[in-house]
Amino acid sequence: MQKYSKYKVLHRISYIVFFSYLLILAILKFNFGQYNDYAAYFIIVPFLIYCAIAISITILARKSRSKKYITG
């Protein structure tokens, strides 16, 4: 798995950033003011971005793994 360390690093960075963002939202008492209706999007949109990053990293790792097996 050492060959895929760049993918693991990208995944770890996105994981740390997402959960740090959630922690900041939870600890600090943000006042969304007139945008209280959109407060859920401040959690949903970063989660979807994190999921997209995780899925794309998995796909890239599998493609590079299969490419190395094909080329030898």
C-alpha atoms as a PDB file:
ATOM      1  CA  MET A   1       0.000   0.000   0.000  1.00  0.00           C
ATOM      2  CA  GLN A   2       3.060   2.226   0.039  1.00  0.00           C
ATOM      3  CA  LYS A   3       2.555   2.878  -3.671  1.00  0.00           C
ATOM      4  CA  TYR A   4      -0.736   4.610  -2.972  1.00  0.00           C
ATOM      5  CA  SER A   5       0.531   6.876  -0.218  1.00  0.00           C
ATOM      6  CA  LYS A   6      -0.354  10.037  -2.143  1.00  0.00           C
ATOM      7  CA  TYR A   7      -3.984   8.901  -2.306  1.00  0.00           C
ATOM      8  CA  LYS A   8      -3.995   8.032   1.379  1.00  0.00           C
ATOM      9  CA  VAL A   9      -2.562  11.451   2.225  1.00  0.00           C
ATOM     10  CA  LEU A  10      -5.219  13.228   0.151  1.00  0.00           C
ATOM     11  CA  HIS A  11      -7.949  11.208   1.827  1.00  0.00           C
ATOM     12  CA  ARG A  12      -6.579  11.915   5.304  1.00  0.00           C
ATOM     13  CA  ILE A  13      -6.316  15.638   4.580  1.00  0.00           C
ATOM     14  CA  SER A  14      -9.908  15.820   3.352  1.00  0.00           C
ATOM     15  CA  TYR A  15     -11.057  13.782   6.372  1.00  0.00           C
ATOM     16  CA  ILE A  16      -9.250  16.074   8.812  1.00  0.00           C
ATOM     17  CA  VAL A  17     -10.516  19.232   7.117  1.00  0.00           C
ATOM     18  CA  PHE A  18     -14.124  18.058   7.032  1.00  0.00           C
ATOM     19  CA  PHE A  19     -14.285  16.952  10.640  1.00  0.00           C
ATOM     20  CA  SER A  20     -12.368  20.028  11.802  1.00  0.00           C
ATOM     21  CA  TYR A  21     -14.973  22.120  10.012  1.00  0.00           C
ATOM     22  CA  LEU A  22     -17.762  20.214  11.772  1.00  0.00           C
ATOM     23  CA  LEU A  23     -15.995  20.624  15.092  1.00  0.00           C
ATOM     24  CA  ILE A  24     -15.654  24.367  14.555  1.00  0.00           C
ATOM     25  CA  LEU A  25     -19.341  24.617  13.671  1.00  0.00           C
ATOM     26  CA  ALA A  26     -20.263  22.621  16.771  1.00  0.00           C
ATOM     27  CA  ILE A  27     -18.049  24.416  19.279  1.00  0.00           C
ATOM     28  CA  LEU A  28     -18.408  27.982  18.093  1.00  0.00           C
ATOM     29  CA  LYS A  29     -21.902  29.321  18.259  1.00  0.00           C
ATOM     30  CA  PHE A  30     -22.386  30.612  14.763  1.00  0.00           C
ATOM     31  CA  ASN A  31     -25.283  32.931  14.204  1.00  0.00           C
ATOM     32  CA  PHE A  32     -26.480  32.545  10.655  1.00  0.00           C
ATOM     33  CA  GLY A  33     -28.706  35.569  11.013  1.00  0.00           C
ATOM     34  CA  GLN A  34     -31.295  35.788   8.289  1.00  0.00           C
ATOM     35  CA  TYR A  35     -29.877  32.629   6.677  1.00  0.00           C
ATOM     36  CA  ASN A  36     -31.071  30.178   9.366  1.00  0.00           C
ATOM     37  CA  ASP A  37     -33.041  28.278   6.729  1.00  0.00           C
ATOM     38  CA  TYR A  38     -29.788  27.495   4.917  1.00  0.00           C
ATOM     39  CA  ALA A  39     -27.874  26.312   7.996  1.00  0.00           C
ATOM     40  CA  ALA A  40     -28.251  22.658   7.022  1.00  0.00           C
ATOM     41  CA  TYR A  41     -26.432  23.342   3.765  1.00  0.00           C
ATOM     42  CA  PHE A  42     -23.369  24.374   5.771  1.00  0.00           C
ATOM     43  CA  ILE A  43     -23.131  20.708   6.792  1.00  0.00           C
ATOM     44  CA  ILE A  44     -24.558  18.894   3.776  1.00  0.00           C
ATOM     45  CA  VAL A  45     -22.463  20.574   1.075  1.00  0.00           C
ATOM     46  CA  PRO A  46     -19.072  19.936   2.767  1.00  0.00           C
ATOM     47  CA  PHE A  47     -20.156  16.340   3.449  1.00  0.00           C
ATOM     48  CA  LEU A  48     -20.982  15.822  -0.220  1.00  0.00           C
ATOM     49  CA  ILE A  49     -17.630  17.335  -1.192  1.00  0.00           C
ATOM     50  CA  TYR A  50     -15.872  14.987   1.236  1.00  0.00           C
ATOM     51  CA  CYS A  51     -17.764  11.993  -0.185  1.00  0.00           C
ATOM     52  CA  ALA A  52     -16.862  12.999  -3.736  1.00  0.00           C
ATOM     53  CA  ILE A  53     -13.197  13.281  -2.776  1.00  0.00           C
ATOM     54  CA  ALA A  54     -13.247   9.898  -1.014  1.00  0.00           C
ATOM     55  CA  ILE A  55     -14.939   8.176  -3.955  1.00  0.00           C
ATOM     56  CA  SER A  56     -12.635   9.747  -6.537  1.00  0.00           C
ATOM     57  CA  ILE A  57      -9.551   8.785  -4.523  1.00  0.00           C
ATOM     58  CA  THR A  58     -10.791   5.201  -4.310  1.00  0.00           C
ATOM     59  CA  ILE A  59     -11.376   5.146  -8.062  1.00  0.00           C
ATOM     60  CA  LEU A  60      -7.919   6.605  -8.768  1.00  0.00           C
ATOM     61  CA  ALA A  61      -6.237   4.037  -6.509  1.00  0.00           C
ATOM     62  CA  ARG A  62      -8.083   1.162  -8.197  1.00  0.00           C
ATOM     63  CA  LYS A  63      -7.243   2.472 -11.667  1.00  0.00           C
ATOM     64  CA  SER A  64      -3.564   2.813 -10.857  1.00  0.00           C
ATOM     65  CA  ARG A  65      -3.565  -0.639  -9.233  1.00  0.00           C
ATOM     66  CA  SER A  66      -5.195  -2.259 -12.269  1.00  0.00           C
ATOM     67  CA  LYS A  67      -2.897  -0.372 -14.643  1.00  0.00           C
ATOM     68  CA  LYS A  68       0.181  -1.739 -12.848  1.00  0.00           C
ATOM     69  CA  TYR A  69      -1.161  -5.292 -13.033  1.00  0.00           C
ATOM     70  CA  ILE A  70      -1.882  -4.974 -16.751  1.00  0.00           C
ATOM     71  CA  THR A  71       1.474  -3.427 -17.680  1.00  0.00           C
ATOM     72  CA  GLY A  72       3.382  -5.757 -15.390  1.00  0.00           C
END
